[in-house]
């Protein structure tokens, strides 16, 4: 049995994704069962019949590793994307560290608990993006720069004076935002001539080391510094791209393989003079799921159906284990 499992509390957010995954599986002659975690816990016999498990957002009991908990609930199931990979994609600092260690090109980045390190980084690059550690769809990011010798940041709705603190909590007093470490900041990738020119934000949708298709996120106009955070959650638009450079393809596939995603998305940024650089690697999992708003585009066709590619991977028979080659008898 193939099952898609998710938490009951997340139904309003994942209902459409679950529907499309099941429809894609059925169109290929298979069957995917939709199952809330609560249903699985109440019916352990049915949960034990699951052989392949596709995970969408859910909450494991506090203090229990999700991988161990789900193994107890679904004792015979192969999780399509391991929980280690799901957790890695959720932790953007950990993702960056793995990418850098494996030689994948990323924008200049500073990861530190020391405010001075970030201040020096911003002074060096003029503009930087102060990012949240965990996936937030761009909503928690700030574009920061110096103004009259003071660090300021733009969130999209407000501009703040930024006070970096090595520890503590995030809080706002008037127009001053106290921002605690650890800090994760990247150079704002853009063409700088007389003014900042928009970069290109690409997303490769990858299933089993194959790029299914590409989209580009863009804005019609850039009015304030935070507009350079080009995310769907901040109002950016999608369009499909039909072909990309071989370099972009290689970087996207390499990133997916380094992080270990079977099904997910790789975000790249490039300008006319630099890149491509990897911004993020995402996968469906117990923390979040890959945005599918591109399905609302008039140009959307079955070719761009990410869920169909995932269904094909779910239905494919696993490759039989290869026997080691027989050693030839020596004389």
Foldseek 3Di string as FASTA:
>chain_A
DAEEEEAPVCCVPCVVVVVLLQVLLVVVVHGYHYYYPVRLVVPLVVLQPAAEYEYFAYDDPPPDPPQVRSCVSHVRYDYQAHVQLQVCQFFQVSLVVLCVVVPQFAFDKDFALDPVVVVVVCVVQQWKKWDDRGDDQLQPIWIWGDDPNFIWTDRLPAIAGEAEASDDDWDDDPRYTYHGDRIMMGRLDADDDPHTDAKWKKKFWAAQLDGLFMKTWADPDDDDPSVNSGGVVSPTDIDTDHDDDPVVSVSFSVSCVSSVDRTWMWMFIGHPVDDGHTDGTHDRHNVHHHDDPCCPDPPDDPSPSSSSSVSVVVPDDDDDDDDDDDDDDDD
